[in-house]
Protein backbone atom coordinates (compact mmCIF):
# COMPACT_ATOMS: atom_id res chain seq x y z
CA MET A 1 92.35 135.34 79.56
CA LEU A 2 90.65 132.14 78.44
CA GLU A 3 88.64 130.43 81.19
CA ILE A 4 87.68 126.75 81.18
CA SER A 5 85.92 124.46 83.63
CA GLN A 6 87.57 121.61 85.50
CA VAL A 7 85.60 119.15 83.33
CA GLU A 8 86.97 120.81 80.19
CA ALA A 9 90.48 120.64 81.65
CA ARG A 10 90.06 116.90 82.21
CA VAL A 11 88.98 116.39 78.60
CA VAL A 12 92.03 118.31 77.38
CA ALA A 13 94.36 116.36 79.69
CA VAL A 14 93.01 112.91 78.81
CA ALA A 15 93.09 113.64 75.07
CA ALA A 16 96.61 115.10 75.22
CA GLN A 17 97.76 111.94 76.96
CA GLY A 18 96.34 109.75 74.18
CA LEU A 19 93.83 108.02 76.45
CA HIS A 20 90.27 107.08 75.52
CA LEU A 21 90.59 108.54 72.04
CA ALA A 22 87.76 107.53 69.73
CA ASP A 23 90.49 106.75 67.14
CA PRO A 24 93.48 105.58 69.22
CA ASP A 25 97.01 105.39 67.88
CA SER A 26 98.17 101.88 68.71
CA ASP A 27 101.82 102.24 67.65
CA ALA A 28 104.33 102.17 70.52
CA THR A 29 106.71 104.57 68.78
CA ALA A 30 103.92 107.10 68.23
CA VAL A 31 102.78 106.80 71.86
CA LEU A 32 106.31 107.54 73.05
CA ARG A 33 106.72 110.40 70.57
CA ASP A 34 103.54 112.09 71.79
CA ARG A 35 104.06 111.41 75.53
CA THR A 36 107.85 112.14 75.19
CA ALA A 37 108.59 110.32 78.46
CA ILE A 38 107.44 107.01 79.91
CA GLN A 39 108.60 106.34 83.45
CA LEU A 40 110.26 103.01 84.25
CA ASP A 41 109.95 100.96 87.40
CA THR A 42 111.11 97.51 88.48
CA ILE A 43 107.78 96.46 90.08
CA GLN A 44 106.03 93.67 88.18
CA VAL A 45 102.96 92.26 89.91
CA VAL A 46 100.69 92.88 86.91
CA ARG A 47 103.03 94.08 84.13
CA ARG A 48 105.99 96.45 84.04
CA SER A 49 104.78 100.03 84.44
CA HIS A 50 105.95 101.13 80.99
CA GLU A 51 104.06 98.22 79.42
CA LEU A 52 100.88 99.25 81.27
CA VAL A 53 101.28 102.79 79.92
CA LEU A 54 101.40 101.42 76.37
CA LEU A 55 98.58 98.92 76.86
CA ALA A 56 96.32 101.64 78.29
CA ARG A 57 96.76 103.49 75.00
CA GLY A 58 95.85 100.56 72.80
CA VAL A 59 99.32 99.25 71.96
CA ALA A 60 99.30 95.53 71.16
CA ASP A 61 100.54 93.15 73.83
CA GLN A 62 103.60 91.94 71.92
CA ALA A 63 104.64 95.46 70.96
CA ALA A 64 104.52 96.44 74.64
CA ARG A 65 106.66 93.44 75.59
CA VAL A 66 109.49 94.21 73.15
CA PHE A 67 109.48 97.97 73.69
CA LEU A 68 113.02 97.97 75.12
CA ASP A 69 114.36 95.06 73.06
CA GLU A 70 118.11 95.38 72.49
CA ARG A 71 117.78 93.74 69.07
CA ALA A 72 115.63 96.56 67.67
CA THR A 73 117.01 99.60 65.84
CA PRO A 74 117.47 102.28 68.53
CA THR A 75 114.65 104.83 68.45
CA GLN A 76 114.61 105.59 72.18
CA PHE A 77 116.96 106.03 75.11
CA GLU A 78 116.69 105.77 78.86
CA TYR A 79 117.74 108.67 81.03
CA TRP A 80 116.68 110.85 83.93
CA GLY A 81 113.65 112.60 82.43
CA HIS A 82 110.76 112.18 84.85
CA ALA A 83 112.80 109.95 87.17
CA ALA A 84 114.20 107.05 85.09
CA SER A 85 112.34 107.34 81.81
CA VAL A 86 112.30 106.12 78.23
CA MET A 87 112.32 108.99 75.74
CA PRO A 88 112.64 109.39 71.96
CA LEU A 89 116.27 109.24 70.83
CA ALA A 90 115.92 112.67 69.21
CA LEU A 91 115.72 114.20 72.70
CA TRP A 92 119.29 113.20 73.60
CA PRO A 93 120.82 116.63 72.79
CA TYR A 94 118.20 118.40 74.93
CA PHE A 95 119.41 116.68 78.09
CA ALA A 96 122.88 118.21 77.78
CA PHE A 97 121.93 120.58 80.61
CA ARG A 98 121.32 117.64 82.95
CA ARG A 99 124.50 115.83 81.93
CA ARG A 100 126.47 119.00 82.69
CA ARG A 101 124.71 119.34 86.02
CA PHE A 102 125.72 115.81 87.03
CA GLN A 103 129.26 116.62 85.98
CA THR A 104 129.47 119.82 88.03
CA GLY A 105 128.01 118.70 91.33
CA GLY A 106 124.51 117.36 90.78
CA TRP A 107 125.45 113.71 91.37
CA SER A 108 123.67 112.29 94.44
CA GLY A 109 124.83 108.69 94.19
CA PRO A 110 127.71 107.06 96.06
CA ALA A 111 131.25 108.26 95.48
CA VAL A 112 132.60 107.11 92.12
CA ASP A 113 136.04 105.51 91.91
CA PRO A 114 138.06 106.98 88.98
CA ALA A 115 139.91 103.68 88.55
CA ALA A 116 136.58 101.85 88.29
CA CYS A 117 135.47 104.36 85.63
CA ASP A 118 138.60 103.63 83.60
CA ALA A 119 138.04 99.88 83.88
CA VAL A 120 134.34 100.05 83.02
CA ARG A 121 134.97 102.45 80.13
CA ALA A 122 137.53 100.06 78.65
CA ALA A 123 135.37 96.95 79.17
CA VAL A 124 132.27 98.46 77.60
CA ALA A 125 134.25 99.85 74.67
CA ALA A 126 135.81 96.44 74.03
CA SER A 127 132.52 94.52 74.24
CA GLY A 128 130.22 97.04 72.58
CA GLY A 129 127.78 96.93 75.51
CA MET A 130 127.41 95.47 79.00
CA THR A 131 124.95 95.21 81.88
CA VAL A 132 125.80 95.47 85.58
CA THR A 133 125.75 91.67 85.70
CA ASP A 134 128.32 91.55 82.91
CA LEU A 135 130.44 93.99 84.92
CA GLY A 136 130.45 91.67 87.92
CA GLY A 137 127.09 92.35 89.53
CA ALA A 138 126.02 94.63 92.34
CA PRO A 139 124.78 93.22 95.66
CA GLY A 140 121.94 94.96 97.44
CA SER A 141 119.32 97.16 95.82
CA GLY A 142 118.85 100.73 94.61
CA TRP A 143 121.25 103.34 95.99
CA TYR A 144 122.61 100.70 98.39
CA ARG A 145 124.27 98.61 95.73
CA SER A 146 127.92 98.74 96.63
CA ALA A 147 129.83 97.53 93.56
CA PRO A 148 132.23 100.22 92.26
CA ALA A 149 131.62 99.08 88.67
CA LYS A 150 127.86 99.66 89.06
CA TRP A 151 128.32 103.28 90.09
CA ALA A 152 131.05 103.88 87.54
CA ALA A 153 128.64 102.78 84.80
CA GLU A 154 125.85 104.93 86.25
CA TRP A 155 128.16 107.94 86.42
CA LEU A 156 129.28 107.48 82.82
CA LEU A 157 125.63 107.19 81.79
CA ALA A 158 124.59 110.27 83.77
CA THR A 159 127.40 112.44 82.42
CA GLY A 160 127.03 111.37 78.80
CA GLU A 161 129.81 108.93 77.91
CA PHE A 162 127.43 105.97 77.92
CA VAL A 163 123.90 105.70 76.61
CA CYS A 164 121.18 103.13 77.32
CA VAL A 165 118.95 102.45 74.32
CA ALA A 166 117.68 99.05 75.46
CA ARG A 167 117.53 96.69 78.42
CA ARG A 168 118.64 93.08 78.73
CA ARG A 169 116.50 91.06 81.15
CA PHE A 170 115.36 94.48 82.37
CA SER A 171 118.89 95.54 83.27
CA ARG A 172 120.34 98.66 81.68
CA PHE A 173 122.58 97.86 78.72
CA TYR A 174 125.41 100.41 78.74
CA GLN A 175 126.99 101.35 75.40
CA PRO A 176 129.42 104.09 74.31
CA VAL A 177 127.59 107.11 72.94
CA ALA A 178 129.94 107.29 69.95
CA ASP A 179 128.96 103.75 68.90
CA VAL A 180 125.20 104.21 69.14
CA LEU A 181 124.05 107.77 68.55
CA PRO A 182 123.85 109.19 65.02
CA ALA A 183 126.45 111.91 64.47
CA GLU A 184 123.76 114.61 64.20
CA LEU A 185 122.67 113.90 67.80
CA GLN A 186 126.16 113.96 69.30
CA HIS A 187 126.27 117.64 70.18
CA ASP A 188 125.55 119.76 73.23
CA LEU A 189 122.96 122.51 73.43
CA ASP A 190 122.98 125.39 75.91
CA ASP A 191 120.77 125.26 78.98
CA ALA A 192 118.21 127.79 77.76
CA THR A 193 117.66 125.91 74.48
CA CYS A 194 117.25 122.63 76.36
CA VAL A 195 114.74 123.98 78.85
CA TYR A 196 112.71 125.86 76.22
CA HIS A 197 112.36 122.78 74.02
CA LEU A 198 111.50 120.41 76.88
CA THR A 199 108.99 122.90 78.30
CA GLY A 200 107.14 122.96 74.99
CA LEU A 201 107.09 119.16 74.82
CA ALA A 202 105.83 118.90 78.40
CA LEU A 203 103.00 121.37 77.78
CA ARG A 204 101.86 119.51 74.66
CA ALA A 205 102.00 116.18 76.47
CA LEU A 206 99.91 117.52 79.36
CA GLY A 207 97.55 119.66 77.30
CA VAL A 208 96.92 121.97 80.22
CA GLY A 209 98.77 122.55 83.47
CA THR A 210 100.31 125.05 85.84
CA ALA A 211 103.95 126.04 85.52
CA ASP A 212 104.66 123.64 88.38
CA ASP A 213 102.93 120.77 86.54
CA ILE A 214 104.89 121.51 83.38
CA ALA A 215 108.20 121.83 85.24
CA ASP A 216 107.59 118.49 86.96
CA TYR A 217 107.21 116.60 83.67
CA PHE A 218 110.97 116.61 83.02
CA ARG A 219 111.95 117.83 86.50
CA LEU A 220 112.94 121.26 85.20
CA PRO A 221 113.49 124.43 87.29
CA LYS A 222 110.14 126.20 87.62
CA PRO A 223 111.45 129.79 87.14
CA ALA A 224 113.10 128.81 83.85
CA VAL A 225 109.92 127.00 82.74
CA THR A 226 107.76 130.02 83.57
CA ALA A 227 110.03 132.30 81.55
CA ALA A 228 109.99 129.87 78.62
CA LEU A 229 106.18 129.66 78.64
CA HIS A 230 105.86 133.45 78.39
CA ASP A 231 108.05 133.34 75.25
CA MET A 232 106.26 130.40 73.64
CA PRO A 233 103.86 131.25 70.79
CA ASP A 234 101.84 128.03 71.14
CA ALA A 235 101.32 128.40 74.91
CA GLU A 236 98.32 130.36 76.18
CA LEU A 237 97.50 131.45 79.70
CA VAL A 238 94.23 130.01 80.95
CA THR A 239 92.16 130.06 84.11
CA VAL A 240 90.77 126.71 85.22
CA ARG A 241 87.82 127.24 87.52
CA GLY A 242 88.61 125.90 90.97
CA TRP A 243 92.40 126.13 90.54
CA THR A 244 94.20 128.70 92.65
CA GLU A 245 97.10 129.17 90.22
CA PRO A 246 96.98 130.33 86.60
CA ALA A 247 97.57 127.58 84.06
CA TRP A 248 98.82 127.19 80.51
CA ILE A 249 97.14 125.40 77.64
CA ALA A 250 98.77 124.20 74.43
CA THR A 251 97.20 125.89 71.42
CA ALA A 252 96.73 122.54 69.68
CA ALA A 253 94.93 121.17 72.75
CA ARG A 254 92.08 123.66 72.27
CA GLN A 255 90.89 121.68 69.27
CA GLN A 256 88.17 119.27 70.35
CA VAL A 257 89.21 115.64 70.04
CA PRO A 258 86.50 112.92 70.14
CA LEU A 259 86.83 110.78 73.27
CA ASP A 260 85.18 107.48 74.15
CA ASP A 261 83.13 108.21 77.26
CA ASP A 262 82.34 104.50 77.68
CA ALA A 263 85.99 103.44 77.85
CA CYS A 264 87.24 102.17 81.22
CA THR A 265 90.97 101.66 81.66
CA PRO A 266 93.25 100.71 84.56
CA LEU A 267 96.34 102.92 84.71
CA SER A 268 99.81 102.36 86.03
CA PRO A 269 100.19 104.44 89.20
CA LEU A 270 103.22 105.92 87.39
CA ASP A 271 101.25 106.93 84.27
CA SER A 272 102.07 110.45 83.11
CA LEU A 273 98.39 111.45 83.32
CA ILE A 274 98.57 111.19 87.12
CA TRP A 275 102.22 110.97 88.15
CA HIS A 276 102.27 114.54 89.59
CA ARG A 277 100.09 114.33 92.68
CA PRO A 278 99.22 118.06 92.96
CA ARG A 279 97.86 118.01 89.40
CA ALA A 280 95.99 114.74 90.00
CA ARG A 281 94.32 116.36 93.02
CA ARG A 282 93.26 119.40 91.01
CA LEU A 283 92.13 117.49 87.92
CA PHE A 284 90.51 114.39 89.38
CA GLY A 285 90.12 115.03 93.10
CA ILE A 286 92.38 112.09 93.98
CA ASP A 287 95.48 111.91 96.15
CA TYR A 288 96.83 108.43 95.49
CA LEU A 289 100.25 107.32 96.61
CA LEU A 290 102.00 104.18 95.38
CA GLU A 291 101.81 101.99 98.47
CA ALA A 292 104.40 99.37 97.51
CA TYR A 293 106.87 100.87 99.97
CA LYS A 294 104.43 101.06 102.87
CA PRO A 295 104.06 98.24 105.43
CA ALA A 296 101.15 96.01 104.38
CA ALA A 297 99.07 96.99 107.41
CA GLN A 298 99.24 100.67 106.45
CA ARG A 299 98.06 100.28 102.84
CA GLU A 300 94.64 101.71 101.99
CA CYS A 301 94.24 99.79 98.74
CA GLY A 302 97.15 97.43 98.10
CA TYR A 303 100.74 96.97 96.98
CA PHE A 304 100.21 98.20 93.40
CA GLY A 305 97.05 100.30 93.32
CA MET A 306 96.03 101.07 89.73
CA PRO A 307 93.76 104.11 89.31
CA VAL A 308 90.82 103.46 86.98
CA LEU A 309 90.00 106.01 84.29
CA ALA A 310 86.36 105.82 83.15
CA GLY A 311 85.71 108.30 80.37
CA THR A 312 87.47 111.35 81.79
CA ASP A 313 86.91 110.55 85.48
CA ILE A 314 89.05 108.60 87.93
CA ILE A 315 86.44 106.39 89.63
CA GLY A 316 88.69 104.54 92.10
CA ARG A 317 91.56 102.09 92.02
CA ILE A 318 92.30 98.38 92.09
CA ALA A 319 95.28 96.45 93.44
CA LEU A 320 96.03 93.16 91.69
CA ARG A 321 98.79 90.62 92.05
CA ALA A 322 99.16 88.05 89.25
CA THR A 323 101.01 84.79 89.85
CA LYS A 324 101.09 81.63 87.72
CA GLY A 325 98.10 82.60 85.61
CA VAL A 326 95.88 83.73 88.48
CA ALA A 327 95.25 87.37 89.42
CA ARG A 328 94.20 88.06 92.98
CA LEU A 329 92.48 91.31 93.90
CA GLU A 330 94.24 92.52 97.03
CA GLY A 331 92.03 95.55 97.42
CA GLN A 332 89.90 98.09 95.62
CA GLN A 333 88.39 101.48 96.28
CA LEU A 334 85.37 102.99 94.54
CA ILE A 335 84.81 106.73 94.74
CA ASN A 336 81.26 107.43 95.92
CA GLY A 337 78.72 107.84 93.16
CA HIS A 338 80.44 105.67 90.55
CA ASP A 339 79.43 102.30 89.12
CA PRO A 340 81.19 99.34 90.80
CA ASP A 341 80.75 97.31 87.60
CA ARG A 342 83.21 99.62 85.85
CA LEU A 343 85.80 98.96 88.56
CA ARG A 344 85.20 95.23 88.12
CA HIS A 345 85.61 95.57 84.34
CA ALA A 346 88.95 97.33 84.86
CA ALA A 347 90.12 94.53 87.15
CA HIS A 348 89.36 91.95 84.45
CA THR A 349 91.22 94.10 81.91
CA ALA A 350 94.30 94.31 84.11
CA ALA A 351 94.20 90.56 84.73
CA ALA A 352 94.01 89.92 80.98
CA TRP A 353 97.05 92.15 80.44
CA ALA A 354 98.88 89.95 82.95
CA GLY A 355 97.79 86.81 81.09
CA ALA A 356 95.89 85.73 84.19
CA ARG A 357 92.38 84.80 85.31
CA LEU A 358 90.87 87.08 87.94
CA THR A 359 89.64 85.38 91.08
CA GLU A 360 86.20 86.47 92.29
CA PRO A 361 86.54 90.14 93.25
CA ALA A 362 85.75 91.27 96.75
CA THR A 363 83.16 93.98 97.40
CA ALA A 364 84.57 97.38 96.56
CA GLY A 365 85.31 99.76 99.37
CA SER A 366 84.25 103.39 99.01
CA THR A 367 86.09 106.67 99.32
CA ARG A 368 84.91 110.23 99.02
């Protein structure tokens, strides 16, 4: 069995994620194609998380801003991949297993009113597309929104009658599948085909990972992922020194890709390089949690702590909040032994992405 060091695993992972490449691909469509899933989130204190993912990979500012523009030709769709995610439109058939699962008992949202489904289905069909606001709004937030039309639309999206290929004012824009998807994508695949294909995509996007890491990428069942990996010709078992579980490496990831060791980039805390905390611990020795939902007094770094990737190391994190052209550093943490100037550079980069001027940074705290 191939054996690699933890440092080599980090190089593979960073390169597979399209970060710090000596020759970066700055096209948003290519970034999505190679990552296969970019997680969405409503928080915007620097930029939307999906925009930060693109900016970290060299995508131009304007291209990041219009990534989900409803006026563009659909090349992507939003669905439950790794949580709510944007994915290439070609992946629609491979989520048939999840749509069936919602249909047969996997729905965890509020009860759906059949009459509301009929009304929403008719309204969206007549208009060609609607947001929740168009459907009458939904008071509250998250799972606590109570409007029957909201949950009818979500149910029809989850089970495959509706599709979301864009957002309007960052609200999902629901459209009938038959009106939007090319005919060649409007078919269902069996569960095994879906899981096998998505497992291969997840492995290539990660470069190297355990079966648990790979299963987490699209929230797939681990036993089915493990079985798929054993049948996959471009997946190779590997031992990563220091890891307690065997791992898998994509054959293509074994080719050395030039990386820029001097690059220093702030990452969204929901970036796919680090979104699975067990893998982040093994790869980078970090255990960061998004602290936006913690009381302020219990936060170690700040509301939106952005890990900083320097070369192939995570050297700490910064928490910025940008308002009216000014970015304030709420907190920062520097891992012992790393250069505080690189953390400061990352803070200025994040502020520039927000179109803001960074106020004088405070002294960095240290963590082991």
